[in-house]
N, C-alpha and C. Protein backbone atom coordinates (compact mmCIF):
# COMPACT_ATOMS: atom_id res chain seq x y z
N UNK A 1 88.92 79.28 98.69
CA UNK A 1 88.72 80.32 98.04
C UNK A 1 87.53 80.49 98.41
N UNK A 2 86.36 80.32 97.99
CA UNK A 2 84.92 80.34 98.26
C UNK A 2 84.86 81.59 100.14
N UNK A 3 85.55 81.78 100.47
CA UNK A 3 85.87 83.04 101.54
C UNK A 3 85.63 83.92 100.81
N UNK A 4 86.72 84.67 99.80
CA UNK A 4 87.04 85.41 99.38
C UNK A 4 85.70 85.76 97.95
N UNK A 5 85.14 84.73 98.00
CA UNK A 5 84.29 84.46 96.46
C UNK A 5 83.38 85.67 97.42
N UNK A 6 82.82 84.45 98.82
CA UNK A 6 81.72 84.84 99.11
C UNK A 6 82.07 86.93 99.79
N UNK A 7 82.59 87.26 100.61
CA UNK A 7 83.48 89.20 100.44
C UNK A 7 83.46 89.42 99.30
N UNK A 8 83.27 89.03 98.82
CA UNK A 8 83.18 89.80 97.52
C UNK A 8 81.81 90.25 96.61
N UNK A 9 81.21 88.92 96.97
CA UNK A 9 79.75 89.43 96.18
C UNK A 9 79.09 90.11 97.41
N UNK A 10 78.92 89.76 98.44
CA UNK A 10 78.31 90.56 99.87
C UNK A 10 79.18 91.91 99.35
N UNK A 11 80.60 92.54 99.17
CA UNK A 11 80.76 93.94 98.86
C UNK A 11 79.34 94.57 97.38
N UNK A 12 79.48 93.85 95.88
CA UNK A 12 78.63 94.06 95.47
C UNK A 12 77.50 93.94 95.05
N UNK A 13 76.98 92.60 96.56
CA UNK A 13 75.70 92.73 96.89
C UNK A 13 74.49 93.73 97.29
N UNK A 14 75.53 95.08 97.46
CA UNK A 14 74.67 96.11 98.36
C UNK A 14 74.65 96.62 97.11
N UNK A 15 74.62 96.62 95.69
CA UNK A 15 74.27 97.49 94.94
C UNK A 15 73.75 96.84 93.82
N UNK A 16 74.20 95.37 94.20
CA UNK A 16 73.72 94.74 93.16
C UNK A 16 73.09 93.42 94.05
N UNK A 17 71.65 93.53 94.87
CA UNK A 17 71.30 92.46 95.23
C UNK A 17 71.08 91.30 95.15
N UNK A 18 70.61 91.69 93.76
CA UNK A 18 70.55 89.34 92.78
C UNK A 18 71.59 88.70 93.60
N UNK A 19 72.91 88.98 93.67
CA UNK A 19 73.97 88.42 93.42
C UNK A 19 73.75 87.71 95.38
N UNK A 20 73.41 87.91 96.26
CA UNK A 20 73.74 87.81 97.44
C UNK A 20 73.60 86.45 97.57
N UNK A 21 72.21 85.58 96.52
CA UNK A 21 72.67 84.44 97.05
C UNK A 21 73.85 83.36 96.37
N UNK A 22 73.98 83.91 95.24
CA UNK A 22 75.92 83.37 95.11
C UNK A 22 76.64 83.93 96.15
N UNK A 23 76.71 84.72 96.87
CA UNK A 23 77.45 85.38 98.06
C UNK A 23 77.37 84.19 99.22
N UNK A 24 76.34 83.64 98.88
CA UNK A 24 75.37 83.00 100.05
C UNK A 24 76.37 81.67 100.24
N UNK A 25 75.87 81.16 99.20
CA UNK A 25 76.71 79.99 98.94
C UNK A 25 78.03 79.62 98.92
N UNK A 26 78.86 80.51 98.60
CA UNK A 26 80.08 80.69 98.11
C UNK A 26 80.17 80.39 99.68
N UNK A 27 79.84 80.75 100.65
CA UNK A 27 80.16 81.71 101.99
C UNK A 27 79.76 80.09 103.21
N UNK A 28 78.46 79.33 102.86
CA UNK A 28 78.30 78.34 102.58
C UNK A 28 79.33 77.67 102.75
N UNK A 29 79.40 76.87 101.48
CA UNK A 29 80.56 76.55 101.06
C UNK A 29 81.15 76.31 102.19
N UNK A 30 82.77 77.76 102.60
CA UNK A 30 83.49 77.70 102.55
C UNK A 30 83.44 77.92 104.16
N UNK A 31 82.25 77.03 105.34
CA UNK A 31 82.56 76.72 106.32
C UNK A 31 81.86 75.77 106.42
N UNK A 32 81.50 75.20 105.46
CA UNK A 32 82.07 73.99 105.11
C UNK A 32 82.73 73.50 105.60
N UNK A 33 83.26 73.60 104.83
CA UNK A 33 84.99 73.09 104.30
C UNK A 33 86.33 73.91 105.48
N UNK A 34 85.22 74.34 105.71
CA UNK A 34 86.28 74.97 106.78
C UNK A 34 87.61 74.10 107.89
N UNK A 35 88.44 73.78 107.69
CA UNK A 35 89.30 72.72 108.44
C UNK A 35 89.30 73.58 110.28
N UNK A 36 89.06 73.06 110.95
CA UNK A 36 88.18 73.08 112.01
C UNK A 36 89.87 73.40 112.89
N UNK A 37 91.22 72.80 112.12
CA UNK A 37 92.32 73.72 113.14
C UNK A 37 92.02 75.12 112.88
N UNK A 38 91.44 75.36 112.26
CA UNK A 38 92.01 77.38 111.68
C UNK A 38 90.27 78.15 112.32
N UNK A 39 90.80 78.19 113.66
CA UNK A 39 89.60 78.80 114.56
C UNK A 39 89.55 80.30 113.90
N UNK A 40 90.54 80.74 114.47
CA UNK A 40 90.49 82.65 114.18
C UNK A 40 90.06 82.95 113.10
N UNK A 41 90.08 82.28 112.12
CA UNK A 41 90.05 82.82 110.58
C UNK A 41 88.46 82.16 110.21
N UNK A 42 87.63 81.10 111.54
CA UNK A 42 86.54 81.00 110.85
C UNK A 42 85.78 82.52 111.36
N UNK A 43 86.19 82.67 111.80
CA UNK A 43 85.35 83.79 112.80
C UNK A 43 84.86 85.13 111.50
N UNK A 44 86.35 85.41 110.90
CA UNK A 44 85.70 86.15 109.61
C UNK A 44 84.88 85.30 108.36
N UNK A 45 84.73 84.01 108.41
CA UNK A 45 83.61 83.30 108.01
C UNK A 45 82.32 83.84 108.05
N UNK A 46 83.00 83.46 109.42
CA UNK A 46 81.11 83.37 110.28
C UNK A 46 80.47 84.97 109.91
N UNK A 47 80.93 85.91 110.09
CA UNK A 47 81.12 87.29 109.97
C UNK A 47 80.15 87.99 108.56
N UNK A 48 81.67 87.36 107.82
CA UNK A 48 80.54 87.44 106.32
C UNK A 48 79.65 86.82 106.15
N UNK A 49 78.74 85.77 106.59
CA UNK A 49 77.78 84.76 106.15
C UNK A 49 76.86 85.84 107.28
N UNK A 50 77.70 86.20 108.45
CA UNK A 50 75.99 86.48 109.04
C UNK A 50 75.55 88.20 108.41
N UNK A 51 76.95 88.79 108.05
CA UNK A 51 76.42 89.83 107.37
C UNK A 51 75.73 89.83 105.77
N UNK A 52 76.13 88.50 104.74
CA UNK A 52 75.13 88.11 104.12
C UNK A 52 73.57 87.96 104.22
N UNK A 53 73.22 87.38 105.98
CA UNK A 53 72.41 86.32 105.70
C UNK A 53 71.28 87.57 105.87
N UNK A 54 72.20 88.98 106.95
CA UNK A 54 71.23 89.98 107.24
C UNK A 54 70.98 90.66 105.65
N UNK A 55 72.01 90.88 104.81
CA UNK A 55 71.27 91.81 104.00
C UNK A 55 70.50 90.74 102.94
N UNK A 56 70.07 89.88 103.08
CA UNK A 56 69.43 88.63 102.32
C UNK A 56 68.11 88.82 103.04
N UNK A 57 67.91 89.53 104.87
CA UNK A 57 66.22 89.02 105.12
C UNK A 57 66.27 88.79 106.50
N UNK A 58 67.56 87.44 106.49
CA UNK A 58 67.50 86.29 107.63
C UNK A 58 67.78 87.01 108.82
N UNK A 59 67.49 87.61 109.50
CA UNK A 59 68.16 88.26 110.73
C UNK A 59 68.51 87.15 111.99
N UNK A 60 67.50 85.44 111.70
CA UNK A 60 67.81 84.81 112.97
C UNK A 60 69.04 84.20 112.79
N UNK A 61 69.10 83.86 111.28
CA UNK A 61 70.40 83.04 110.66
C UNK A 61 71.71 83.75 111.33
N UNK A 62 71.43 85.64 110.99
CA UNK A 62 72.25 86.53 111.31
C UNK A 62 73.12 85.68 112.48
N UNK A 63 71.40 86.27 113.26
CA UNK A 63 72.32 87.05 114.75
C UNK A 63 73.23 85.43 115.78
N UNK A 64 72.21 84.20 114.84
CA UNK A 64 73.19 82.98 115.14
C UNK A 64 74.31 83.16 114.94
N UNK A 65 75.10 83.71 113.50
CA UNK A 65 75.98 83.18 112.75
C UNK A 65 76.89 84.44 113.70
N UNK A 66 76.81 85.42 113.81
CA UNK A 66 76.77 86.63 114.52
C UNK A 66 77.46 86.43 115.98
N UNK A 67 76.80 85.47 116.43
CA UNK A 67 76.91 84.96 117.95
C UNK A 67 78.27 84.61 118.11
N UNK A 68 78.32 82.91 117.06
CA UNK A 68 79.22 82.47 117.26
C UNK A 68 80.80 83.18 116.87
N UNK A 69 80.63 83.82 115.59
CA UNK A 69 81.30 84.42 115.30
C UNK A 69 82.56 85.82 116.13
N UNK A 70 81.31 86.09 117.07
CA UNK A 70 81.87 86.69 118.70
C UNK A 70 82.30 85.77 119.63
N UNK A 71 82.10 84.57 119.44
CA UNK A 71 82.23 83.15 120.90
C UNK A 71 83.30 82.84 120.72
N UNK A 72 83.55 82.96 119.08
CA UNK A 72 85.28 82.87 118.36
C UNK A 72 86.06 83.46 118.38
N UNK A 73 85.49 84.80 118.22
CA UNK A 73 86.88 85.88 118.11
C UNK A 73 87.61 86.40 119.24
N UNK A 74 86.08 85.96 120.21
CA UNK A 74 86.33 86.24 121.84
C UNK A 74 87.73 84.68 122.42
N UNK A 75 87.27 83.33 122.16
CA UNK A 75 88.65 82.72 121.98
C UNK A 75 89.84 82.61 121.72
N UNK A 76 89.51 83.77 120.80
CA UNK A 76 90.93 83.48 120.30
C UNK A 76 91.55 85.06 120.60
N UNK A 77 90.66 85.45 121.37
CA UNK A 77 92.10 87.44 122.01
C UNK A 77 91.87 88.25 120.29
N UNK A 78 90.81 87.71 119.32
CA UNK A 78 91.04 88.62 118.24
C UNK A 78 90.38 90.17 118.79
N UNK A 79 90.97 91.05 118.92
CA UNK A 79 90.09 92.44 118.65
C UNK A 79 89.78 92.50 117.50
N UNK A 80 90.35 93.10 116.69
CA UNK A 80 90.46 92.89 114.73
C UNK A 80 88.33 91.79 114.60
N UNK A 81 89.04 90.49 114.37
CA UNK A 81 87.41 90.08 114.83
C UNK A 81 86.39 90.04 115.80
N UNK A 82 86.55 90.61 116.84
CA UNK A 82 85.43 90.77 117.77
C UNK A 82 84.85 92.25 117.21
N UNK A 83 85.24 93.19 116.72
CA UNK A 83 85.22 94.15 115.66
C UNK A 83 83.81 94.07 114.76
N UNK A 84 85.15 92.75 113.96
CA UNK A 84 83.52 92.18 112.93
C UNK A 84 82.52 92.24 113.53
N UNK A 85 82.85 91.55 114.41
CA UNK A 85 81.69 90.23 114.20
C UNK A 85 80.67 91.32 115.13
N UNK A 86 81.03 91.75 115.96
CA UNK A 86 79.78 92.83 116.71
C UNK A 86 79.53 93.69 115.86
N UNK A 87 80.31 94.94 114.95
CA UNK A 87 79.83 95.26 114.07
C UNK A 87 78.28 94.92 112.95
N UNK A 88 78.56 93.95 112.83
CA UNK A 88 77.55 92.61 112.32
C UNK A 88 76.52 92.46 112.88
N UNK A 89 76.68 92.46 113.92
CA UNK A 89 75.60 92.32 115.00
C UNK A 89 74.47 93.81 114.62
N UNK A 90 74.91 94.99 115.40
CA UNK A 90 74.54 95.99 114.96
C UNK A 90 73.82 96.04 113.53
N UNK A 91 74.33 95.12 112.36
CA UNK A 91 74.32 96.17 111.24
C UNK A 91 72.18 95.97 111.48
């Protein structure tokens, strides 16, 4: 649930930046509780986290999360996740 909450707040936060802290907390919780067996899905959470950190001005953390998302997407062979992770780096 935290994954979807964070992603939704990220979208809303583009017009209401005050919401980004709540979204960041939700995504941090999602990453902390993410099952290690759900490797492919972790790329989505990492990418959304990278975007929200970038939106809040924390480029260093955003770059680290993006790099981790790219690594997972490459490892799993997910073209969709790779495109999303690379797009997060470009933001």
